[in-house]
């Protein structure tokens, strides 16, 4: 598969000149805004915003709305993409959900968070919450794992019914044919 490089150029642009995308569906709570301010204060810009050039020459954001809002007087790095309106919409609908699909390697996360420090209470709160979420989701080592259950191989068909009456009719028809059936409501 040949993959196109859609990055036209890297520009440094005053954030206040970037046009927010009217289709941006992400909202940013105060704790996220505060944590971003903390990381920007301690590290600075380490990632580029994404935008597309409009016919009038202005740049419309695809990704990086909060960074642009947070530092309107700052000149920010922007990757200008060669995408049309529909492709920009597809990226807008895809980038954050794809990143959110990543899973967590619990041990590596714990080791990483034990190493990093911050002076930002808001950023520290994000890390503390992240660690607490993953510790709560981790299996309790004091409880024995449930015994492994062996299930014999079985071949089944699941039939989706309109309603309970339809389910009953399908069940009765199949049992009349000699099929072994069970009723399930999911």
Protein backbone atom coordinates (compact mmCIF):
# COMPACT_ATOMS: atom_id res chain seq x y z
CA UNK A 1 0.00 0.00 0.00
CA UNK A 2 1.34 3.39 -0.98
CA UNK A 3 0.68 6.00 1.70
CA UNK A 4 0.58 9.67 0.69
CA UNK A 5 2.45 12.33 2.65
CA UNK A 6 -0.17 15.08 3.10
CA UNK A 7 2.10 17.52 4.96
CA UNK A 8 2.81 20.51 2.72
CA UNK A 9 4.94 22.49 5.14
CA UNK A 10 5.68 23.51 8.70
CA UNK A 11 4.80 27.14 9.42
CA UNK A 12 5.15 29.20 12.57
CA UNK A 13 1.99 31.26 12.87
CA UNK A 14 0.52 33.48 15.61
CA UNK A 15 -2.11 31.25 17.22
CA UNK A 16 -4.66 34.07 17.11
CA UNK A 17 -4.56 33.94 13.28
CA UNK A 18 -5.65 30.30 13.16
CA UNK A 19 -9.34 29.81 12.44
CA UNK A 20 -11.06 27.28 14.69
CA UNK A 21 -12.79 24.52 12.79
CA UNK A 22 -16.56 25.04 13.11
CA UNK A 23 -16.98 21.24 13.18
CA UNK A 24 -14.63 20.72 16.13
CA UNK A 25 -16.55 18.41 18.45
CA UNK A 26 -14.09 18.34 21.35
CA UNK A 27 -14.70 20.41 24.49
CA UNK A 28 -12.01 20.99 27.07
CA UNK A 29 -12.77 20.99 30.80
CA UNK A 30 -10.93 23.34 33.11
CA UNK A 31 -8.67 20.62 34.55
CA UNK A 32 -7.43 19.80 31.03
CA UNK A 33 -6.84 23.50 30.29
CA UNK A 34 -4.87 23.88 33.54
CA UNK A 35 -2.80 20.75 32.88
CA UNK A 36 -1.97 21.96 29.36
CA UNK A 37 -0.85 25.32 30.76
CA UNK A 38 1.38 23.40 33.18
CA UNK A 39 3.08 21.31 30.52
CA UNK A 40 3.47 24.31 28.20
CA UNK A 41 5.05 26.32 31.04
CA UNK A 42 7.47 23.51 31.95
CA UNK A 43 8.34 22.18 28.49
CA UNK A 44 6.88 24.48 25.85
CA UNK A 45 5.59 23.48 22.42
CA UNK A 46 6.78 19.97 21.53
CA UNK A 47 4.07 19.09 19.01
CA UNK A 48 2.64 20.85 15.98
CA UNK A 49 -0.94 21.88 15.42
CA UNK A 50 -2.63 20.63 12.23
CA UNK A 51 -4.39 22.94 9.79
CA UNK A 52 -5.47 23.21 6.19
CA UNK A 53 -5.12 26.25 4.00
CA UNK A 54 -8.40 27.82 2.88
CA UNK A 55 -8.85 29.51 -0.53
CA UNK A 56 -8.35 32.95 1.07
CA UNK A 57 -4.94 31.86 2.43
CA UNK A 58 -6.05 31.59 6.06
CA UNK A 59 -5.42 28.44 8.08
CA UNK A 60 -8.27 26.41 9.57
CA UNK A 61 -7.40 24.14 12.48
CA UNK A 62 -7.92 20.40 12.34
CA UNK A 63 -6.10 19.53 15.57
CA UNK A 64 -4.73 21.74 18.33
CA UNK A 65 -7.67 23.96 19.16
CA UNK A 66 -6.94 24.03 22.91
CA UNK A 67 -3.25 24.82 22.38
CA UNK A 68 -4.19 27.70 20.06
CA UNK A 69 -6.78 29.01 22.54
CA UNK A 70 -4.34 28.71 25.45
CA UNK A 71 -1.55 30.69 23.78
CA UNK A 72 -3.24 33.19 21.41
CA UNK A 73 -0.26 35.58 21.48
CA UNK A 74 2.29 32.83 20.87
CA UNK A 75 3.75 31.94 17.47
CA UNK A 76 3.00 28.21 17.22
CA UNK A 77 4.23 25.39 14.97
CA UNK A 78 1.60 24.36 12.44
CA UNK A 79 1.76 21.48 10.00
CA UNK A 80 -0.14 22.69 6.94
CA UNK A 81 -1.85 19.72 5.31
CA UNK A 82 -2.85 19.23 1.70
CA UNK A 83 -6.40 18.07 2.48
CA UNK A 84 -9.82 19.20 1.35
CA UNK A 85 -12.79 19.95 3.62
CA UNK A 86 -14.04 16.34 3.67
CA UNK A 87 -10.58 14.92 4.43
CA UNK A 88 -10.15 17.50 7.19
CA UNK A 89 -13.52 16.44 8.63
CA UNK A 90 -12.42 12.80 8.53
CA UNK A 91 -9.23 13.68 10.43
CA UNK A 92 -11.21 15.77 12.91
CA UNK A 93 -13.50 12.80 13.56
CA UNK A 94 -10.65 10.28 13.76
CA UNK A 95 -7.46 11.58 15.40
CA UNK A 96 -8.59 11.77 19.04
CA UNK A 97 -10.67 8.55 18.98
CA UNK A 98 -7.75 6.63 17.46
CA UNK A 99 -5.39 7.91 20.16
CA UNK A 100 -7.97 6.96 22.78
CA UNK A 101 -8.00 3.35 21.57
CA UNK A 102 -4.45 2.78 22.80
CA UNK A 103 -4.23 0.39 25.73
CA UNK A 104 -2.11 0.82 28.84
CA UNK A 105 0.89 -1.25 29.85
CA UNK A 106 0.30 -0.89 33.61
CA UNK A 107 3.87 -1.56 34.79
CA UNK A 108 5.47 0.79 32.27
CA UNK A 109 2.95 3.53 33.16
CA UNK A 110 3.67 3.13 36.88
CA UNK A 111 7.44 3.25 36.28
CA UNK A 112 7.11 6.31 34.03
CA UNK A 113 4.94 8.21 36.51
CA UNK A 114 7.38 7.35 39.32
CA UNK A 115 10.17 9.03 37.31
CA UNK A 116 8.54 12.26 36.15
CA UNK A 117 7.98 15.32 38.28
CA UNK A 118 6.12 18.55 37.76
CA UNK A 119 5.66 21.84 39.50
CA UNK A 120 2.14 22.10 38.10
CA UNK A 121 -0.54 20.94 40.54
CA UNK A 122 -2.97 20.53 37.64
CA UNK A 123 -0.57 18.30 35.70
CA UNK A 124 0.21 16.29 38.83
CA UNK A 125 -3.52 15.81 39.38
CA UNK A 126 -3.84 14.37 35.84
CA UNK A 127 -1.02 11.89 36.54
CA UNK A 128 -2.45 10.96 39.94
CA UNK A 129 -5.87 10.33 38.41
CA UNK A 130 -4.35 8.29 35.58
CA UNK A 131 -2.45 6.12 38.03
CA UNK A 132 -5.50 5.73 40.29
CA UNK A 133 -7.68 4.67 37.36
CA UNK A 134 -5.23 2.02 36.29
CA UNK A 135 -4.57 0.77 39.82
CA UNK A 136 -8.33 0.40 40.33
CA UNK A 137 -8.61 -1.55 37.08
CA UNK A 138 -5.64 -3.82 37.91
CA UNK A 139 -6.50 -7.27 39.23
CA UNK A 140 -6.22 -7.64 43.00
CA UNK A 141 -3.21 -9.86 43.73
CA UNK A 142 -4.72 -10.98 47.07
CA UNK A 143 -7.54 -12.82 45.33
CA UNK A 144 -6.89 -16.06 43.52
CA UNK A 145 -7.69 -16.10 39.84
CA UNK A 146 -10.96 -17.84 39.07
CA UNK A 147 -10.49 -21.42 37.92
CA UNK A 148 -10.19 -21.92 34.21
CA UNK A 149 -13.39 -23.24 32.71
CA UNK A 150 -13.23 -25.68 29.84
CA UNK A 151 -16.03 -25.19 27.36
CA UNK A 152 -16.65 -27.95 24.85
CA UNK A 153 -16.72 -26.95 21.21
CA UNK A 154 -20.22 -25.92 20.17
CA UNK A 155 -21.70 -24.55 16.96
CA UNK A 156 -24.50 -22.05 17.52
CA UNK A 157 -26.60 -19.54 15.70
CA UNK A 158 -27.91 -16.36 17.31
CA UNK A 159 -31.12 -15.03 15.79
CA UNK A 160 -32.10 -11.42 16.40
CA UNK A 161 -35.87 -11.09 16.87
CA UNK A 162 -38.15 -8.05 16.58
CA UNK A 163 -39.69 -8.56 20.02
CA UNK A 164 -40.52 -11.18 22.65
CA UNK A 165 -43.42 -12.63 20.64
CA UNK A 166 -41.17 -13.08 17.60
CA UNK A 167 -38.53 -14.68 19.82
CA UNK A 168 -41.11 -17.16 21.19
CA UNK A 169 -42.31 -18.05 17.66
CA UNK A 170 -38.74 -18.71 16.42
CA UNK A 171 -37.98 -20.77 19.54
CA UNK A 172 -41.10 -22.90 19.15
CA UNK A 173 -40.48 -23.47 15.44
CA UNK A 174 -36.87 -24.56 16.00
CA UNK A 175 -37.66 -26.80 18.97
CA UNK A 176 -40.46 -28.41 16.88
CA UNK A 177 -37.75 -29.24 14.31
CA UNK A 178 -35.82 -31.03 17.07
CA UNK A 179 -33.24 -28.27 17.62
CA UNK A 180 -31.85 -27.74 21.12
CA UNK A 181 -32.65 -24.08 21.88
CA UNK A 182 -32.39 -21.61 24.73
CA UNK A 183 -34.04 -18.22 25.08
CA UNK A 184 -31.70 -15.31 25.78
CA UNK A 185 -32.46 -11.64 26.19
CA UNK A 186 -29.42 -9.38 25.76
